[in-house]
N, C-alpha and C. Protein backbone atom coordinates (compact mmCIF):
# COMPACT_ATOMS: atom_id res chain seq x y z
N MET A 1 -55.17 116.72 12.85
CA MET A 1 -56.44 117.42 12.79
C MET A 1 -56.28 118.92 12.73
N GLY A 2 -55.11 119.43 12.61
CA GLY A 2 -54.96 120.87 12.53
C GLY A 2 -54.64 121.49 13.87
N LYS A 3 -55.57 122.27 14.41
CA LYS A 3 -55.35 122.99 15.66
C LYS A 3 -55.49 122.04 16.85
N PRO A 4 -54.40 121.81 17.59
CA PRO A 4 -54.52 120.97 18.77
C PRO A 4 -55.09 121.77 19.94
N ASN A 5 -55.63 121.08 20.90
CA ASN A 5 -56.08 121.68 22.15
C ASN A 5 -57.08 122.82 21.97
N VAL A 6 -58.10 122.60 21.15
CA VAL A 6 -59.17 123.58 21.00
C VAL A 6 -60.08 123.42 22.21
N GLU A 7 -60.12 124.44 23.06
CA GLU A 7 -60.99 124.41 24.24
C GLU A 7 -61.88 125.64 24.19
N LEU A 8 -63.19 125.40 24.19
CA LEU A 8 -64.15 126.48 24.10
C LEU A 8 -64.89 126.68 25.41
N THR A 9 -65.18 127.92 25.72
CA THR A 9 -66.04 128.21 26.86
C THR A 9 -67.48 127.94 26.44
N GLU A 10 -68.39 127.97 27.39
CA GLU A 10 -69.80 127.75 27.07
C GLU A 10 -70.31 128.78 26.05
N GLY A 11 -69.95 130.02 26.25
CA GLY A 11 -70.35 131.07 25.32
C GLY A 11 -69.75 130.89 23.94
N GLU A 12 -68.49 130.48 23.90
CA GLU A 12 -67.83 130.24 22.61
C GLU A 12 -68.50 129.08 21.87
N TRP A 13 -68.92 128.06 22.61
CA TRP A 13 -69.65 126.95 21.97
C TRP A 13 -70.91 127.47 21.30
N ALA A 14 -71.66 128.32 21.99
CA ALA A 14 -72.90 128.85 21.44
C ALA A 14 -72.61 129.62 20.14
N ILE A 15 -71.59 130.45 20.17
CA ILE A 15 -71.24 131.23 18.99
C ILE A 15 -70.74 130.33 17.87
N MET A 16 -69.87 129.38 18.18
CA MET A 16 -69.34 128.49 17.15
C MET A 16 -70.45 127.71 16.47
N LYS A 17 -71.41 127.21 17.25
CA LYS A 17 -72.52 126.45 16.65
C LYS A 17 -73.29 127.32 15.67
N ALA A 18 -73.51 128.57 16.03
CA ALA A 18 -74.21 129.50 15.13
C ALA A 18 -73.37 129.77 13.89
N VAL A 19 -72.09 129.99 14.06
CA VAL A 19 -71.22 130.29 12.92
C VAL A 19 -71.13 129.08 12.00
N TRP A 20 -70.95 127.87 12.56
CA TRP A 20 -70.89 126.67 11.71
C TRP A 20 -72.15 126.54 10.86
N GLU A 21 -73.27 126.90 11.42
CA GLU A 21 -74.55 126.78 10.71
C GLU A 21 -74.75 127.89 9.69
N LEU A 22 -74.28 129.10 9.99
CA LEU A 22 -74.63 130.27 9.19
C LEU A 22 -73.50 130.82 8.32
N GLU A 23 -72.29 130.34 8.49
CA GLU A 23 -71.14 130.99 7.84
C GLU A 23 -71.24 131.02 6.33
N PRO A 24 -70.68 132.08 5.74
CA PRO A 24 -70.13 133.26 6.39
C PRO A 24 -71.26 134.12 6.95
N CYS A 25 -71.02 134.74 8.08
CA CYS A 25 -72.08 135.51 8.73
C CYS A 25 -71.51 136.71 9.47
N ALA A 26 -72.36 137.69 9.66
CA ALA A 26 -71.99 138.89 10.40
C ALA A 26 -72.43 138.74 11.85
N ALA A 27 -71.84 139.52 12.73
CA ALA A 27 -72.17 139.45 14.16
C ALA A 27 -73.66 139.66 14.44
N PRO A 28 -74.35 140.58 13.75
CA PRO A 28 -75.79 140.73 14.02
C PRO A 28 -76.59 139.46 13.71
N THR A 29 -76.17 138.73 12.69
CA THR A 29 -76.84 137.48 12.34
C THR A 29 -76.66 136.45 13.46
N VAL A 30 -75.46 136.39 14.02
CA VAL A 30 -75.19 135.47 15.13
C VAL A 30 -75.98 135.89 16.35
N GLN A 31 -75.99 137.18 16.64
CA GLN A 31 -76.74 137.68 17.80
C GLN A 31 -78.22 137.33 17.66
N GLU A 32 -78.77 137.48 16.48
CA GLU A 32 -80.17 137.15 16.23
C GLU A 32 -80.42 135.65 16.41
N ALA A 33 -79.50 134.83 15.92
CA ALA A 33 -79.64 133.37 16.04
C ALA A 33 -79.60 132.92 17.49
N LEU A 34 -78.86 133.65 18.32
CA LEU A 34 -78.72 133.27 19.73
C LEU A 34 -79.78 133.92 20.62
N GLN A 35 -80.59 134.79 20.06
CA GLN A 35 -81.56 135.55 20.85
C GLN A 35 -82.51 134.65 21.66
N LYS A 36 -82.91 133.51 21.09
CA LYS A 36 -83.85 132.62 21.78
C LYS A 36 -83.25 131.97 23.02
N THR A 37 -81.95 131.67 22.97
CA THR A 37 -81.31 130.96 24.08
C THR A 37 -80.48 131.87 24.98
N ARG A 38 -80.02 132.99 24.44
CA ARG A 38 -79.17 133.91 25.21
C ARG A 38 -79.63 135.33 24.93
N ASN A 39 -79.75 136.09 25.94
CA ASN A 39 -80.19 137.47 25.78
C ASN A 39 -78.98 138.40 25.71
N TRP A 40 -78.10 138.12 24.75
CA TRP A 40 -76.89 138.92 24.60
C TRP A 40 -77.14 140.09 23.67
N SER A 41 -76.57 141.23 24.02
CA SER A 41 -76.64 142.40 23.15
C SER A 41 -75.69 142.19 21.97
N TYR A 42 -75.88 143.01 20.95
CA TYR A 42 -74.98 142.97 19.80
C TYR A 42 -73.54 143.18 20.23
N SER A 43 -73.31 144.15 21.12
CA SER A 43 -71.93 144.46 21.51
C SER A 43 -71.28 143.28 22.25
N THR A 44 -72.06 142.55 23.02
CA THR A 44 -71.53 141.37 23.70
C THR A 44 -71.11 140.31 22.69
N VAL A 45 -71.98 140.04 21.72
CA VAL A 45 -71.68 139.04 20.69
C VAL A 45 -70.46 139.48 19.89
N ARG A 46 -70.42 140.73 19.48
CA ARG A 46 -69.30 141.22 18.67
C ARG A 46 -67.99 141.15 19.45
N THR A 47 -68.02 141.51 20.72
CA THR A 47 -66.81 141.43 21.56
C THR A 47 -66.32 139.99 21.68
N LEU A 48 -67.24 139.07 21.96
CA LEU A 48 -66.86 137.65 22.06
C LEU A 48 -66.29 137.14 20.74
N MET A 49 -66.94 137.50 19.64
CA MET A 49 -66.47 137.03 18.34
C MET A 49 -65.10 137.60 18.01
N ASP A 50 -64.87 138.87 18.33
CA ASP A 50 -63.55 139.46 18.08
C ASP A 50 -62.48 138.80 18.94
N ARG A 51 -62.82 138.46 20.17
CA ARG A 51 -61.86 137.73 21.02
C ARG A 51 -61.57 136.35 20.45
N MET A 52 -62.60 135.73 19.88
CA MET A 52 -62.43 134.41 19.29
C MET A 52 -61.55 134.47 18.05
N VAL A 53 -61.58 135.59 17.33
CA VAL A 53 -60.66 135.79 16.21
C VAL A 53 -59.24 135.82 16.75
N GLY A 54 -59.03 136.54 17.84
CA GLY A 54 -57.71 136.62 18.46
C GLY A 54 -57.19 135.28 18.95
N LYS A 55 -58.11 134.42 19.35
CA LYS A 55 -57.72 133.08 19.82
C LYS A 55 -57.56 132.08 18.68
N GLY A 56 -57.85 132.52 17.45
CA GLY A 56 -57.70 131.63 16.30
C GLY A 56 -58.90 130.71 16.07
N LEU A 57 -60.03 131.02 16.70
CA LEU A 57 -61.22 130.18 16.55
C LEU A 57 -62.08 130.62 15.36
N LEU A 58 -62.04 131.91 15.06
CA LEU A 58 -62.79 132.48 13.94
C LEU A 58 -61.85 133.25 13.03
N ARG A 59 -62.24 133.38 11.76
CA ARG A 59 -61.53 134.22 10.78
C ARG A 59 -62.51 135.29 10.31
N THR A 60 -61.96 136.42 9.91
CA THR A 60 -62.83 137.49 9.39
C THR A 60 -62.47 137.83 7.96
N GLU A 61 -63.46 138.41 7.31
CA GLU A 61 -63.29 138.88 5.94
C GLU A 61 -64.12 140.15 5.82
N LYS A 62 -63.50 141.20 5.31
CA LYS A 62 -64.22 142.47 5.12
C LYS A 62 -64.84 142.50 3.73
N VAL A 63 -66.14 142.77 3.70
CA VAL A 63 -66.86 142.96 2.45
C VAL A 63 -67.53 144.32 2.55
N ARG A 64 -66.96 145.29 1.85
CA ARG A 64 -67.36 146.69 1.96
C ARG A 64 -67.25 147.13 3.42
N HIS A 65 -68.38 147.46 4.05
CA HIS A 65 -68.36 147.90 5.45
C HIS A 65 -68.81 146.80 6.40
N LEU A 66 -68.86 145.58 5.92
CA LEU A 66 -69.36 144.46 6.71
C LEU A 66 -68.24 143.49 7.05
N THR A 67 -68.19 143.05 8.29
CA THR A 67 -67.23 142.03 8.69
C THR A 67 -67.96 140.69 8.72
N LEU A 68 -67.48 139.75 7.91
CA LEU A 68 -68.04 138.40 7.89
C LEU A 68 -67.12 137.47 8.66
N TYR A 69 -67.72 136.58 9.40
CA TYR A 69 -66.97 135.62 10.22
C TYR A 69 -67.13 134.22 9.65
N ARG A 70 -66.05 133.47 9.75
CA ARG A 70 -66.04 132.04 9.39
C ARG A 70 -65.31 131.29 10.49
N ALA A 71 -65.66 130.04 10.63
CA ALA A 71 -64.99 129.21 11.62
C ALA A 71 -63.56 128.92 11.17
N ALA A 72 -62.63 128.98 12.09
CA ALA A 72 -61.24 128.61 11.81
C ALA A 72 -60.94 127.22 12.35
N VAL A 73 -61.90 126.64 13.06
CA VAL A 73 -61.79 125.27 13.57
C VAL A 73 -63.07 124.52 13.19
N THR A 74 -62.94 123.23 13.02
CA THR A 74 -64.11 122.41 12.70
C THR A 74 -64.81 121.97 13.98
N SER A 75 -66.03 121.51 13.82
CA SER A 75 -66.74 120.99 14.99
C SER A 75 -66.02 119.76 15.54
N ALA A 76 -65.41 118.96 14.67
CA ALA A 76 -64.66 117.78 15.12
C ALA A 76 -63.46 118.19 15.98
N GLN A 77 -62.77 119.27 15.59
CA GLN A 77 -61.64 119.74 16.38
C GLN A 77 -62.11 120.23 17.75
N ALA A 78 -63.23 120.94 17.78
CA ALA A 78 -63.76 121.43 19.05
C ALA A 78 -64.23 120.27 19.94
N GLN A 79 -64.87 119.29 19.34
CA GLN A 79 -65.31 118.12 20.11
C GLN A 79 -64.12 117.37 20.68
N GLN A 80 -63.09 117.19 19.85
CA GLN A 80 -61.89 116.50 20.32
C GLN A 80 -61.25 117.26 21.48
N GLY A 81 -61.20 118.57 21.36
CA GLY A 81 -60.64 119.38 22.44
C GLY A 81 -61.42 119.23 23.73
N GLU A 82 -62.74 119.16 23.61
CA GLU A 82 -63.60 119.00 24.79
C GLU A 82 -63.36 117.65 25.47
N VAL A 83 -63.26 116.61 24.66
CA VAL A 83 -63.02 115.26 25.19
C VAL A 83 -61.65 115.19 25.86
N LEU A 84 -60.63 115.74 25.20
CA LEU A 84 -59.28 115.71 25.77
C LEU A 84 -59.21 116.52 27.06
N TYR A 85 -59.94 117.63 27.12
CA TYR A 85 -59.99 118.43 28.34
C TYR A 85 -60.61 117.62 29.48
N ALA A 86 -61.72 116.95 29.21
CA ALA A 86 -62.37 116.12 30.24
C ALA A 86 -61.46 114.97 30.66
N LEU A 87 -60.82 114.33 29.69
CA LEU A 87 -59.92 113.23 29.99
C LEU A 87 -58.79 113.69 30.91
N LYS A 88 -58.20 114.83 30.57
CA LYS A 88 -57.07 115.36 31.35
C LYS A 88 -57.51 115.82 32.73
N ASN A 89 -58.61 116.57 32.81
CA ASN A 89 -58.98 117.22 34.05
C ASN A 89 -59.89 116.39 34.96
N ALA A 90 -60.83 115.68 34.40
CA ALA A 90 -61.77 114.93 35.24
C ALA A 90 -61.30 113.51 35.51
N PHE A 91 -60.46 112.97 34.62
CA PHE A 91 -60.05 111.58 34.77
C PHE A 91 -58.54 111.40 34.84
N ASN A 92 -57.82 112.49 35.07
CA ASN A 92 -56.35 112.45 35.20
C ASN A 92 -55.68 111.67 34.07
N GLY A 93 -56.24 111.78 32.86
CA GLY A 93 -55.65 111.14 31.69
C GLY A 93 -55.95 109.65 31.56
N ALA A 94 -56.76 109.10 32.44
CA ALA A 94 -57.07 107.66 32.41
C ALA A 94 -58.30 107.42 31.55
N LEU A 95 -58.10 106.82 30.38
CA LEU A 95 -59.18 106.60 29.43
C LEU A 95 -60.21 105.57 29.93
N GLY A 96 -59.73 104.49 30.54
CA GLY A 96 -60.64 103.43 31.01
C GLY A 96 -61.75 103.95 31.91
N PRO A 97 -61.42 104.66 32.99
CA PRO A 97 -62.47 105.18 33.87
C PRO A 97 -63.41 106.16 33.16
N MET A 98 -62.88 106.92 32.20
CA MET A 98 -63.73 107.86 31.46
C MET A 98 -64.76 107.09 30.62
N VAL A 99 -64.30 106.07 29.90
CA VAL A 99 -65.20 105.26 29.08
C VAL A 99 -66.22 104.55 29.96
N GLU A 100 -65.76 104.02 31.07
CA GLU A 100 -66.67 103.34 32.01
C GLU A 100 -67.75 104.29 32.50
N CYS A 101 -67.36 105.50 32.84
CA CYS A 101 -68.31 106.52 33.29
C CYS A 101 -69.34 106.83 32.20
N LEU A 102 -68.87 106.98 30.97
CA LEU A 102 -69.78 107.26 29.86
C LEU A 102 -70.75 106.10 29.63
N LEU A 103 -70.23 104.89 29.68
CA LEU A 103 -71.08 103.73 29.45
C LEU A 103 -72.14 103.59 30.54
N GLU A 104 -71.78 103.85 31.78
CA GLU A 104 -72.73 103.73 32.89
C GLU A 104 -73.74 104.88 32.88
N THR A 105 -73.29 106.07 32.52
CA THR A 105 -74.14 107.24 32.57
C THR A 105 -75.16 107.27 31.45
N LYS A 106 -74.73 106.91 30.25
CA LYS A 106 -75.57 107.07 29.08
C LYS A 106 -76.60 105.97 28.89
N GLY A 107 -76.38 104.77 29.42
CA GLY A 107 -77.30 103.68 29.15
C GLY A 107 -77.18 103.24 27.70
N VAL A 108 -76.02 102.76 27.32
CA VAL A 108 -75.69 102.40 25.95
C VAL A 108 -76.50 101.18 25.50
N ASN A 109 -77.03 101.23 24.27
CA ASN A 109 -77.80 100.10 23.75
C ASN A 109 -76.89 99.15 22.97
N ALA A 110 -77.43 98.02 22.54
CA ALA A 110 -76.64 96.98 21.87
C ALA A 110 -76.02 97.49 20.56
N THR A 111 -76.74 98.29 19.81
CA THR A 111 -76.21 98.82 18.55
C THR A 111 -75.00 99.72 18.82
N GLU A 112 -75.11 100.57 19.82
CA GLU A 112 -73.99 101.45 20.16
C GLU A 112 -72.79 100.65 20.65
N LEU A 113 -73.03 99.59 21.42
CA LEU A 113 -71.94 98.72 21.87
C LEU A 113 -71.25 98.06 20.67
N ASP A 114 -72.04 97.61 19.70
CA ASP A 114 -71.47 97.02 18.48
C ASP A 114 -70.60 98.04 17.75
N GLN A 115 -71.07 99.29 17.67
CA GLN A 115 -70.30 100.33 17.01
C GLN A 115 -68.99 100.59 17.74
N LEU A 116 -69.05 100.62 19.08
CA LEU A 116 -67.84 100.83 19.87
C LEU A 116 -66.86 99.68 19.69
N GLU A 117 -67.37 98.47 19.68
CA GLU A 117 -66.50 97.30 19.47
C GLU A 117 -65.83 97.35 18.10
N GLU A 118 -66.57 97.79 17.08
CA GLU A 118 -66.01 97.92 15.74
C GLU A 118 -64.91 98.98 15.71
N LEU A 119 -65.14 100.11 16.39
CA LEU A 119 -64.11 101.15 16.46
C LEU A 119 -62.85 100.63 17.14
N ILE A 120 -63.03 99.89 18.22
CA ILE A 120 -61.89 99.32 18.94
C ILE A 120 -61.15 98.31 18.06
N ARG A 121 -61.91 97.46 17.35
CA ARG A 121 -61.29 96.47 16.47
C ARG A 121 -60.46 97.17 15.39
N LYS A 122 -61.02 98.23 14.78
CA LYS A 122 -60.29 98.95 13.74
C LYS A 122 -59.04 99.62 14.31
N LYS A 123 -59.16 100.18 15.49
CA LYS A 123 -58.00 100.83 16.13
C LYS A 123 -56.91 99.79 16.42
N ARG A 124 -57.34 98.64 16.91
CA ARG A 124 -56.39 97.57 17.24
C ARG A 124 -55.67 97.09 15.98
N ASN A 125 -56.40 97.04 14.86
CA ASN A 125 -55.82 96.58 13.60
C ASN A 125 -55.11 97.68 12.82
N GLY A 126 -55.18 98.91 13.35
CA GLY A 126 -54.48 100.02 12.70
C GLY A 126 -55.16 100.58 11.49
N THR A 127 -56.47 100.35 11.37
CA THR A 127 -57.22 100.90 10.22
C THR A 127 -58.04 102.09 10.66
N LYS A 128 -58.35 102.95 9.70
CA LYS A 128 -59.18 104.14 9.99
C LYS A 128 -60.64 103.77 9.89
N SER A 129 -61.49 104.58 10.61
CA SER A 129 -62.93 104.33 10.55
C SER A 129 -63.50 104.71 9.23
């Protein structure tokens, strides 16, 4: 999947979601998109985005006097990193208890159970989804 161990902070998640939706985009565009949920100043957004470039989460491109940002990781990579972080830290690497917790917490319906069973069957048979 490319970049292993992608772990985002809460603020980085907010920025990444905006960038995935708007890319390529400038920091003011991201700040405006986040204005409804976060009251961050432009300088806060720009600082976070520049740090995310340093961490390999975002890429930049200069167009005249404008810096455009693009995601350097996919949403799937970020989601995988989040799941692996929870598995490692909250469940000591034990997948069974994590799945059990998710099933009990979410109130899974019959259709979702069928989908999970199909995923397990494919994994057992060595086929991709």
